[in-house]
Amino acid sequence: MDSLKACLEKNAAKFKKNLKYLKGKEEWGVKIYCETERLKESLIREDKKFLMIDKKINSSTPDKVFFSTKMTDELLKNKLDNKTIEYVQNSFERLREQSLEASLNKLSPQKTNGPKSAVISNSVFWVDKNQINSFINIVNILKEKYENNGVYLDCTGPWPPYNFCT
């Protein structure tokens, strides 16, 4: 008991500072999942280049079909990568505006939400309790905006301040 008392007395200023920092704030997590095939379909529908390439492939000789298909696959992969980056960056920036602090956590390669979707972002936000409704509102706006393209946001919280307290 004496060692606990000594520890508390020695670190009282740090404890008070941390408790003051924690007061009135909550940690929230947002994961973004992507159904890759559904997003690919959406990108093909939106981009006229893919329709033109598809017409060329259908009217080409067999040897040209191979190279055209390779070109299309590479173009689609680049567009898919760029689009997922865009979704992650846009979501993170919009939510960070409603937060005191924000952090992108590393992704675990095997994390999935079912057999067809993969986690493309795992972020945490330190939010003032007075801003929670605004934060959740932005999450809902982003959910609605992205879900038709196979991109889903999952917001959880409040959590203990694992990511924002030492």
N, C-alpha and C. Protein backbone atom coordinates (compact mmCIF):
# COMPACT_ATOMS: atom_id res chain seq x y z
N MET A 1 0.81 -1.19 0.00
CA MET A 1 0.00 0.00 0.00
C MET A 1 0.86 1.26 0.00
N ASP A 2 1.97 1.20 0.72
CA ASP A 2 2.86 2.36 0.77
C ASP A 2 3.47 2.65 -0.59
N SER A 3 3.81 1.58 -1.34
CA SER A 3 4.42 1.80 -2.67
C SER A 3 3.39 2.40 -3.64
N LEU A 4 2.13 2.01 -3.51
CA LEU A 4 1.08 2.59 -4.34
C LEU A 4 0.91 4.07 -4.01
N LYS A 5 0.88 4.38 -2.74
CA LYS A 5 0.74 5.77 -2.30
C LYS A 5 1.92 6.60 -2.80
N ALA A 6 3.12 6.05 -2.71
CA ALA A 6 4.31 6.76 -3.17
C ALA A 6 4.25 7.00 -4.68
N CYS A 7 3.80 5.98 -5.41
CA CYS A 7 3.66 6.10 -6.87
C CYS A 7 2.65 7.19 -7.23
N LEU A 8 1.50 7.20 -6.54
CA LEU A 8 0.48 8.21 -6.81
C LEU A 8 0.98 9.61 -6.49
N GLU A 9 1.69 9.75 -5.39
CA GLU A 9 2.22 11.07 -5.02
C GLU A 9 3.27 11.52 -6.02
N LYS A 10 4.13 10.60 -6.41
CA LYS A 10 5.21 10.94 -7.35
C LYS A 10 4.65 11.35 -8.72
N ASN A 11 3.60 10.70 -9.17
CA ASN A 11 3.06 10.93 -10.52
C ASN A 11 1.76 11.71 -10.54
N ALA A 12 1.42 12.36 -9.43
CA ALA A 12 0.14 13.07 -9.32
C ALA A 12 -0.04 14.10 -10.43
N ALA A 13 0.98 14.85 -10.75
CA ALA A 13 0.86 15.88 -11.79
C ALA A 13 0.57 15.25 -13.15
N LYS A 14 1.24 14.13 -13.45
CA LYS A 14 1.01 13.43 -14.73
C LYS A 14 -0.41 12.89 -14.78
N PHE A 15 -0.86 12.29 -13.68
CA PHE A 15 -2.21 11.74 -13.64
C PHE A 15 -3.25 12.84 -13.84
N LYS A 16 -3.07 13.96 -13.17
CA LYS A 16 -4.01 15.07 -13.31
C LYS A 16 -4.04 15.59 -14.74
N LYS A 17 -2.86 15.70 -15.33
CA LYS A 17 -2.77 16.17 -16.72
C LYS A 17 -3.50 15.20 -17.66
N ASN A 18 -3.28 13.90 -17.49
CA ASN A 18 -3.95 12.91 -18.33
C ASN A 18 -5.46 12.91 -18.11
N LEU A 19 -5.90 13.01 -16.88
CA LEU A 19 -7.33 13.02 -16.59
C LEU A 19 -8.00 14.27 -17.18
N LYS A 20 -7.31 15.38 -17.13
CA LYS A 20 -7.84 16.62 -17.72
C LYS A 20 -7.95 16.46 -19.24
N TYR A 21 -6.94 15.83 -19.83
CA TYR A 21 -6.93 15.58 -21.28
C TYR A 21 -8.09 14.65 -21.69
N LEU A 22 -8.41 13.67 -20.85
CA LEU A 22 -9.46 12.69 -21.16
C LEU A 22 -10.87 13.23 -20.97
N LYS A 23 -11.01 14.21 -20.10
CA LYS A 23 -12.34 14.69 -19.72
C LYS A 23 -13.09 15.27 -20.92
N GLY A 24 -14.31 14.74 -21.13
CA GLY A 24 -15.19 15.28 -22.16
C GLY A 24 -14.85 14.83 -23.57
N LYS A 25 -14.06 13.76 -23.70
CA LYS A 25 -13.65 13.29 -25.02
C LYS A 25 -13.86 11.78 -25.12
N GLU A 26 -14.01 11.30 -26.35
CA GLU A 26 -14.21 9.88 -26.59
C GLU A 26 -13.39 9.43 -27.80
N GLU A 27 -12.99 8.16 -27.76
CA GLU A 27 -12.31 7.57 -28.91
C GLU A 27 -13.34 6.80 -29.74
N TRP A 28 -13.29 7.02 -31.05
CA TRP A 28 -14.17 6.34 -32.00
C TRP A 28 -13.31 5.71 -33.09
N GLY A 29 -13.72 4.54 -33.54
CA GLY A 29 -13.01 3.85 -34.61
C GLY A 29 -13.86 3.80 -35.86
N VAL A 30 -13.20 3.92 -37.01
CA VAL A 30 -13.89 3.79 -38.29
C VAL A 30 -13.05 2.89 -39.19
N LYS A 31 -13.66 1.78 -39.60
CA LYS A 31 -13.03 0.90 -40.57
C LYS A 31 -13.77 1.06 -41.89
N ILE A 32 -13.01 0.99 -42.96
CA ILE A 32 -13.60 1.04 -44.29
C ILE A 32 -13.32 -0.29 -44.97
N TYR A 33 -14.40 -0.89 -45.48
CA TYR A 33 -14.32 -2.17 -46.19
C TYR A 33 -14.63 -1.93 -47.66
N CYS A 34 -14.02 -2.73 -48.52
CA CYS A 34 -14.26 -2.61 -49.95
C CYS A 34 -14.55 -3.98 -50.57
N GLU A 35 -15.67 -4.07 -51.27
CA GLU A 35 -15.95 -5.23 -52.11
C GLU A 35 -15.32 -4.93 -53.46
N THR A 36 -14.14 -5.47 -53.69
CA THR A 36 -13.33 -5.13 -54.85
C THR A 36 -14.08 -5.34 -56.17
N GLU A 37 -14.74 -6.46 -56.33
CA GLU A 37 -15.43 -6.73 -57.59
C GLU A 37 -16.57 -5.74 -57.84
N ARG A 38 -17.26 -5.39 -56.78
CA ARG A 38 -18.36 -4.42 -56.93
C ARG A 38 -17.82 -3.03 -57.29
N LEU A 39 -16.70 -2.66 -56.67
CA LEU A 39 -16.09 -1.37 -57.01
C LEU A 39 -15.58 -1.38 -58.45
N LYS A 40 -14.99 -2.48 -58.88
CA LYS A 40 -14.53 -2.60 -60.27
C LYS A 40 -15.70 -2.39 -61.24
N GLU A 41 -16.81 -3.05 -60.97
CA GLU A 41 -17.99 -2.91 -61.82
C GLU A 41 -18.45 -1.46 -61.89
N SER A 42 -18.43 -0.81 -60.76
CA SER A 42 -18.83 0.60 -60.69
C SER A 42 -17.89 1.48 -61.51
N LEU A 43 -16.60 1.22 -61.40
CA LEU A 43 -15.61 2.01 -62.15
C LEU A 43 -15.76 1.80 -63.66
N ILE A 44 -16.04 0.58 -64.06
CA ILE A 44 -16.23 0.28 -65.48
C ILE A 44 -17.46 1.02 -66.01
N ARG A 45 -18.54 1.02 -65.23
CA ARG A 45 -19.76 1.72 -65.65
C ARG A 45 -19.54 3.22 -65.78
N GLU A 46 -18.73 3.79 -64.88
CA GLU A 46 -18.53 5.24 -64.85
C GLU A 46 -17.56 5.74 -65.92
N ASP A 47 -16.65 4.87 -66.36
CA ASP A 47 -15.57 5.32 -67.24
C ASP A 47 -15.80 4.83 -68.67
N LYS A 48 -15.99 5.77 -69.58
CA LYS A 48 -16.27 5.44 -70.99
C LYS A 48 -15.09 4.74 -71.66
N LYS A 49 -13.88 4.95 -71.14
CA LYS A 49 -12.69 4.30 -71.73
C LYS A 49 -12.85 2.79 -71.71
N PHE A 50 -13.37 2.26 -70.62
CA PHE A 50 -13.52 0.81 -70.50
C PHE A 50 -14.53 0.27 -71.51
N LEU A 51 -15.58 1.03 -71.76
CA LEU A 51 -16.58 0.60 -72.74
C LEU A 51 -15.98 0.59 -74.14
N MET A 52 -15.16 1.61 -74.45
CA MET A 52 -14.51 1.67 -75.76
C MET A 52 -13.51 0.52 -75.92
N ILE A 53 -12.75 0.24 -74.87
CA ILE A 53 -11.77 -0.85 -74.93
C ILE A 53 -12.50 -2.17 -75.10
N ASP A 54 -13.62 -2.34 -74.40
CA ASP A 54 -14.40 -3.57 -74.51
C ASP A 54 -14.90 -3.77 -75.93
N LYS A 55 -15.35 -2.71 -76.58
CA LYS A 55 -15.80 -2.80 -77.97
C LYS A 55 -14.64 -3.21 -78.88
N LYS A 56 -13.45 -2.61 -78.63
CA LYS A 56 -12.27 -2.95 -79.43
C LYS A 56 -11.91 -4.42 -79.26
N ILE A 57 -11.97 -4.89 -78.01
CA ILE A 57 -11.63 -6.29 -77.73
C ILE A 57 -12.58 -7.22 -78.48
N ASN A 58 -13.86 -6.91 -78.45
CA ASN A 58 -14.85 -7.77 -79.10
C ASN A 58 -14.71 -7.81 -80.62
N SER A 59 -14.12 -6.77 -81.19
CA SER A 59 -13.96 -6.74 -82.64
C SER A 59 -12.52 -7.03 -83.08
N SER A 60 -11.67 -7.45 -82.16
CA SER A 60 -10.26 -7.69 -82.46
C SER A 60 -9.99 -9.14 -82.84
N THR A 61 -8.82 -9.32 -83.40
CA THR A 61 -8.34 -10.67 -83.69
C THR A 61 -7.88 -11.30 -82.38
N PRO A 62 -7.83 -12.63 -82.30
CA PRO A 62 -7.46 -13.30 -81.04
C PRO A 62 -6.13 -12.84 -80.44
N ASP A 63 -5.13 -12.57 -81.26
CA ASP A 63 -3.84 -12.13 -80.71
C ASP A 63 -3.93 -10.74 -80.08
N LYS A 64 -4.76 -9.89 -80.63
CA LYS A 64 -4.94 -8.54 -80.06
C LYS A 64 -5.81 -8.58 -78.80
N VAL A 65 -6.67 -9.55 -78.71
CA VAL A 65 -7.54 -9.68 -77.54
C VAL A 65 -6.70 -9.86 -76.28
N PHE A 66 -5.68 -10.68 -76.36
CA PHE A 66 -4.82 -10.93 -75.20
C PHE A 66 -4.19 -9.63 -74.68
N PHE A 67 -3.58 -8.86 -75.59
CA PHE A 67 -2.91 -7.63 -75.18
C PHE A 67 -3.90 -6.55 -74.74
N SER A 68 -5.03 -6.49 -75.40
CA SER A 68 -6.05 -5.52 -75.00
C SER A 68 -6.61 -5.84 -73.62
N THR A 69 -6.79 -7.14 -73.36
CA THR A 69 -7.29 -7.56 -72.06
C THR A 69 -6.27 -7.24 -70.97
N LYS A 70 -5.00 -7.49 -71.25
CA LYS A 70 -3.93 -7.16 -70.29
C LYS A 70 -3.93 -5.66 -70.00
N MET A 71 -4.04 -4.86 -71.06
CA MET A 71 -4.05 -3.41 -70.91
C MET A 71 -5.25 -2.97 -70.06
N THR A 72 -6.41 -3.55 -70.34
CA THR A 72 -7.62 -3.21 -69.59
C THR A 72 -7.47 -3.58 -68.12
N ASP A 73 -6.94 -4.77 -67.86
CA ASP A 73 -6.76 -5.21 -66.47
C ASP A 73 -5.83 -4.27 -65.71
N GLU A 74 -4.74 -3.86 -66.36
CA GLU A 74 -3.78 -2.95 -65.71
C GLU A 74 -4.41 -1.57 -65.47
N LEU A 75 -5.13 -1.07 -66.44
CA LEU A 75 -5.81 0.22 -66.31
C LEU A 75 -6.84 0.16 -65.18
N LEU A 76 -7.59 -0.92 -65.12
CA LEU A 76 -8.60 -1.08 -64.08
C LEU A 76 -7.96 -1.21 -62.69
N LYS A 77 -6.87 -1.95 -62.60
CA LYS A 77 -6.17 -2.09 -61.32
C LYS A 77 -5.68 -0.73 -60.82
N ASN A 78 -5.09 0.07 -61.70
CA ASN A 78 -4.62 1.41 -61.32
C ASN A 78 -5.78 2.30 -60.88
N LYS A 79 -6.86 2.24 -61.62
CA LYS A 79 -8.04 3.04 -61.28
C LYS A 79 -8.62 2.59 -59.94
N LEU A 80 -8.66 1.29 -59.71
CA LEU A 80 -9.16 0.74 -58.46
C LEU A 80 -8.28 1.20 -57.29
N ASP A 81 -6.98 1.10 -57.44
CA ASP A 81 -6.06 1.55 -56.38
C ASP A 81 -6.25 3.03 -56.09
N ASN A 82 -6.32 3.83 -57.14
CA ASN A 82 -6.49 5.28 -56.95
C ASN A 82 -7.83 5.61 -56.28
N LYS A 83 -8.86 4.89 -56.66
CA LYS A 83 -10.19 5.16 -56.09
C LYS A 83 -10.25 4.78 -54.61
N THR A 84 -9.65 3.65 -54.25
CA THR A 84 -9.67 3.27 -52.83
C THR A 84 -8.87 4.27 -52.00
N ILE A 85 -7.75 4.73 -52.54
CA ILE A 85 -6.96 5.77 -51.85
C ILE A 85 -7.80 7.03 -51.69
N GLU A 86 -8.51 7.40 -52.73
CA GLU A 86 -9.37 8.59 -52.68
C GLU A 86 -10.44 8.45 -51.60
N TYR A 87 -11.10 7.28 -51.54
CA TYR A 87 -12.12 7.06 -50.52
C TYR A 87 -11.53 7.16 -49.11
N VAL A 88 -10.40 6.53 -48.91
CA VAL A 88 -9.76 6.54 -47.58
C VAL A 88 -9.36 7.96 -47.21
N GLN A 89 -8.67 8.66 -48.12
CA GLN A 89 -8.21 10.02 -47.81
C GLN A 89 -9.37 10.96 -47.55
N ASN A 90 -10.38 10.91 -48.40
CA ASN A 90 -11.53 11.80 -48.24
C ASN A 90 -12.24 11.53 -46.92
N SER A 91 -12.46 10.26 -46.60
CA SER A 91 -13.14 9.91 -45.35
C SER A 91 -12.33 10.37 -44.15
N PHE A 92 -11.03 10.07 -44.17
CA PHE A 92 -10.17 10.44 -43.05
C PHE A 92 -10.16 11.96 -42.85
N GLU A 93 -10.02 12.71 -43.93
CA GLU A 93 -9.98 14.18 -43.81
C GLU A 93 -11.30 14.74 -43.30
N ARG A 94 -12.41 14.24 -43.82
CA ARG A 94 -13.72 14.74 -43.38
C ARG A 94 -13.94 14.45 -41.90
N LEU A 95 -13.55 13.26 -41.46
CA LEU A 95 -13.75 12.90 -40.05
C LEU A 95 -12.74 13.59 -39.15
N ARG A 96 -11.55 13.81 -39.65
CA ARG A 96 -10.53 14.51 -38.85
C ARG A 96 -10.97 15.94 -38.55
N GLU A 97 -11.71 16.55 -39.46
CA GLU A 97 -12.22 17.90 -39.23
C GLU A 97 -13.16 17.97 -38.03
N GLN A 98 -13.80 16.84 -37.70
CA GLN A 98 -14.73 16.79 -36.57
C GLN A 98 -14.05 16.26 -35.30
N SER A 99 -12.73 16.07 -35.36
CA SER A 99 -12.00 15.43 -34.27
C SER A 99 -10.91 16.35 -33.72
N LEU A 100 -10.50 16.03 -32.50
CA LEU A 100 -9.37 16.73 -31.90
C LEU A 100 -8.05 16.13 -32.38
N GLU A 101 -8.05 14.81 -32.56
CA GLU A 101 -6.90 14.09 -33.07
C GLU A 101 -7.40 12.92 -33.91
N ALA A 102 -6.55 12.44 -34.79
CA ALA A 102 -6.92 11.29 -35.62
C ALA A 102 -5.66 10.51 -35.97
N SER A 103 -5.86 9.23 -36.20
CA SER A 103 -4.72 8.37 -36.52
C SER A 103 -5.17 7.23 -37.43
N LEU A 104 -4.34 6.92 -38.42
CA LEU A 104 -4.57 5.74 -39.26
C LEU A 104 -3.78 4.59 -38.67
N ASN A 105 -4.45 3.51 -38.33
CA ASN A 105 -3.78 2.33 -37.80
C ASN A 105 -3.36 1.42 -38.95
N LYS A 106 -2.37 0.59 -38.67
CA LYS A 106 -1.93 -0.38 -39.67
C LYS A 106 -3.04 -1.38 -39.92
N LEU A 107 -3.06 -1.90 -41.13
CA LEU A 107 -4.05 -2.91 -41.49
C LEU A 107 -3.46 -4.30 -41.29
N SER A 108 -4.29 -5.20 -40.84
CA SER A 108 -3.93 -6.62 -40.79
C SER A 108 -4.34 -7.23 -42.12
N PRO A 109 -3.44 -7.89 -42.83
CA PRO A 109 -3.77 -8.38 -44.17
C PRO A 109 -4.95 -9.34 -44.22
N GLN A 110 -5.19 -10.10 -43.18
CA GLN A 110 -6.28 -11.07 -43.23
C GLN A 110 -7.61 -10.52 -42.74
N LYS A 111 -7.68 -9.26 -42.35
CA LYS A 111 -8.93 -8.71 -41.85
C LYS A 111 -9.93 -8.57 -43.00
N THR A 112 -11.08 -9.20 -42.84
CA THR A 112 -12.15 -9.10 -43.83
C THR A 112 -13.48 -8.96 -43.14
N ASN A 113 -14.45 -8.54 -43.90
CA ASN A 113 -15.82 -8.45 -43.42
C ASN A 113 -16.64 -9.36 -44.33
N GLY A 114 -16.46 -10.64 -44.17
CA GLY A 114 -17.11 -11.59 -45.06
C GLY A 114 -16.14 -11.99 -46.16
N PRO A 115 -16.59 -12.88 -47.03
CA PRO A 115 -15.69 -13.45 -48.03
C PRO A 115 -15.32 -12.50 -49.17
N LYS A 116 -16.10 -11.44 -49.38
CA LYS A 116 -15.88 -10.61 -50.56
C LYS A 116 -15.29 -9.24 -50.28
N SER A 117 -15.14 -8.86 -49.03
CA SER A 117 -14.66 -7.50 -48.76
C SER A 117 -13.43 -7.52 -47.87
N ALA A 118 -12.59 -6.52 -48.06
CA ALA A 118 -11.37 -6.41 -47.29
C ALA A 118 -11.30 -5.03 -46.64
N VAL A 119 -10.63 -4.95 -45.51
CA VAL A 119 -10.44 -3.67 -44.83
C VAL A 119 -9.43 -2.86 -45.64
N ILE A 120 -9.81 -1.63 -46.00
CA ILE A 120 -8.89 -0.75 -46.70
C ILE A 120 -8.45 0.42 -45.82
N SER A 121 -9.09 0.57 -44.67
CA SER A 121 -8.70 1.62 -43.73
C SER A 121 -9.16 1.26 -42.33
N ASN A 122 -8.31 1.56 -41.37
CA ASN A 122 -8.63 1.36 -39.95
C ASN A 122 -8.15 2.60 -39.22
N SER A 123 -9.05 3.51 -38.93
CA SER A 123 -8.65 4.76 -38.31
C SER A 123 -9.36 4.98 -36.98
N VAL A 124 -8.74 5.81 -36.15
CA VAL A 124 -9.31 6.16 -34.85
C VAL A 124 -9.33 7.68 -34.71
N PHE A 125 -10.34 8.15 -33.97
CA PHE A 125 -10.55 9.58 -33.83
C PHE A 125 -10.82 9.92 -32.38
N TRP A 126 -10.23 11.00 -31.92
CA TRP A 126 -10.40 11.53 -30.57
C TRP A 126 -11.36 12.69 -30.71
N VAL A 127 -12.59 12.49 -30.20
CA VAL A 127 -13.67 13.42 -30.49
C VAL A 127 -14.19 14.04 -29.20
N ASP A 128 -14.36 15.35 -29.24
CA ASP A 128 -15.00 16.06 -28.13
C ASP A 128 -16.45 15.58 -28.05
N LYS A 129 -16.94 15.32 -26.84
CA LYS A 129 -18.30 14.81 -26.68
C LYS A 129 -19.35 15.73 -27.31
N ASN A 130 -19.05 17.02 -27.36
CA ASN A 130 -19.98 17.98 -27.97
C ASN A 130 -20.03 17.85 -29.50
N GLN A 131 -19.06 17.15 -30.09
CA GLN A 131 -18.98 17.00 -31.54
C GLN A 131 -19.39 15.61 -32.01
N ILE A 132 -19.79 14.73 -31.11
CA ILE A 132 -20.11 13.35 -31.47
C ILE A 132 -21.20 13.29 -32.54
N ASN A 133 -22.27 14.05 -32.37
CA ASN A 133 -23.36 14.01 -33.35
C ASN A 133 -22.89 14.45 -34.73
N SER A 134 -22.06 15.49 -34.80
CA SER A 134 -21.52 15.95 -36.08
C SER A 134 -20.62 14.88 -36.69
N PHE A 135 -19.83 14.23 -35.85
CA PHE A 135 -18.94 13.17 -36.31
C PHE A 135 -19.75 12.01 -36.90
N ILE A 136 -20.75 11.54 -36.17
CA ILE A 136 -21.60 10.44 -36.62
C ILE A 136 -22.36 10.83 -37.89
N ASN A 137 -22.77 12.08 -37.98
CA ASN A 137 -23.47 12.56 -39.18
C ASN A 137 -22.56 12.46 -40.41
N ILE A 138 -21.30 12.84 -40.28
CA ILE A 138 -20.35 12.74 -41.39
C ILE A 138 -20.16 11.27 -41.77
N VAL A 139 -20.04 10.39 -40.78
CA VAL A 139 -19.92 8.95 -41.07
C VAL A 139 -21.12 8.49 -41.90
N ASN A 140 -22.32 8.88 -41.50
CA ASN A 140 -23.52 8.46 -42.22
C ASN A 140 -23.58 9.02 -43.63
N ILE A 141 -23.15 10.25 -43.81
CA ILE A 141 -23.09 10.85 -45.16
C ILE A 141 -22.13 10.06 -46.04
N LEU A 142 -20.95 9.73 -45.51
CA LEU A 142 -19.97 8.96 -46.27
C LEU A 142 -20.47 7.55 -46.58
N LYS A 143 -21.13 6.92 -45.61
CA LYS A 143 -21.71 5.58 -45.83
C LYS A 143 -22.65 5.62 -47.04
N GLU A 144 -23.55 6.56 -47.01
CA GLU A 144 -24.55 6.67 -48.07
C GLU A 144 -23.90 6.97 -49.42
N LYS A 145 -22.89 7.80 -49.40
CA LYS A 145 -22.22 8.20 -50.64
C LYS A 145 -21.47 7.03 -51.29
N TYR A 146 -20.87 6.16 -50.49
CA TYR A 146 -19.97 5.13 -51.02
C TYR A 146 -20.59 3.75 -51.19
N GLU A 147 -21.65 3.44 -50.46
CA GLU A 147 -22.09 2.04 -50.42
C GLU A 147 -22.55 1.50 -51.77
N ASN A 148 -23.05 2.32 -52.67
CA ASN A 148 -23.45 1.83 -54.00
C ASN A 148 -22.26 1.35 -54.81
N ASN A 149 -21.06 1.77 -54.42
CA ASN A 149 -19.85 1.36 -55.12
C ASN A 149 -19.12 0.22 -54.41
N GLY A 150 -19.75 -0.35 -53.40
CA GLY A 150 -19.12 -1.48 -52.71
C GLY A 150 -18.14 -1.08 -51.64
N VAL A 151 -18.26 0.13 -51.13
CA VAL A 151 -17.37 0.62 -50.07
C VAL A 151 -18.23 0.94 -48.85
N TYR A 152 -17.85 0.35 -47.70
CA TYR A 152 -18.67 0.44 -46.50
C TYR A 152 -17.87 0.97 -45.32
N LEU A 153 -18.48 1.85 -44.55
CA LEU A 153 -17.86 2.36 -43.33
C LEU A 153 -18.52 1.70 -42.14
N ASP A 154 -17.69 1.33 -41.17
CA ASP A 154 -18.17 0.74 -39.92
C ASP A 154 -17.61 1.59 -38.79
N CYS A 155 -18.49 2.31 -38.11
CA CYS A 155 -18.09 3.20 -37.02
C CYS A 155 -18.43 2.53 -35.69
N THR A 156 -17.45 2.48 -34.79
CA THR A 156 -17.67 1.90 -33.47
C THR A 156 -17.15 2.83 -32.40
N GLY A 157 -17.79 2.77 -31.27
CA GLY A 157 -17.36 3.59 -30.15
C GLY A 157 -18.55 3.92 -29.27
N PRO A 158 -18.32 4.62 -28.22
CA PRO A 158 -16.99 5.08 -27.79
C PRO A 158 -16.17 3.95 -27.19
N TRP A 159 -14.86 4.09 -27.35
CA TRP A 159 -13.89 3.14 -26.82
C TRP A 159 -13.07 3.81 -25.71
N PRO A 160 -12.49 3.02 -24.84
CA PRO A 160 -11.49 3.60 -23.93
C PRO A 160 -10.39 4.23 -24.78
N PRO A 161 -9.72 5.22 -24.28
CA PRO A 161 -8.75 5.96 -25.10
C PRO A 161 -7.44 5.22 -25.34
N TYR A 162 -7.52 4.04 -25.93
CA TYR A 162 -6.32 3.23 -26.19
C TYR A 162 -5.29 3.97 -27.03
N ASN A 163 -5.75 4.66 -28.04
CA ASN A 163 -4.84 5.26 -29.02
C ASN A 163 -4.42 6.69 -28.69
N PHE A 164 -5.04 7.29 -27.69
CA PHE A 164 -4.78 8.71 -27.43
C PHE A 164 -4.34 9.02 -26.01
N CYS A 165 -3.97 8.01 -25.27
CA CYS A 165 -3.53 8.23 -23.90
C CYS A 165 -2.29 7.39 -23.61
N THR A 166 -1.36 7.98 -22.90
CA THR A 166 -0.15 7.23 -22.54
C THR A 166 -0.21 6.82 -21.08
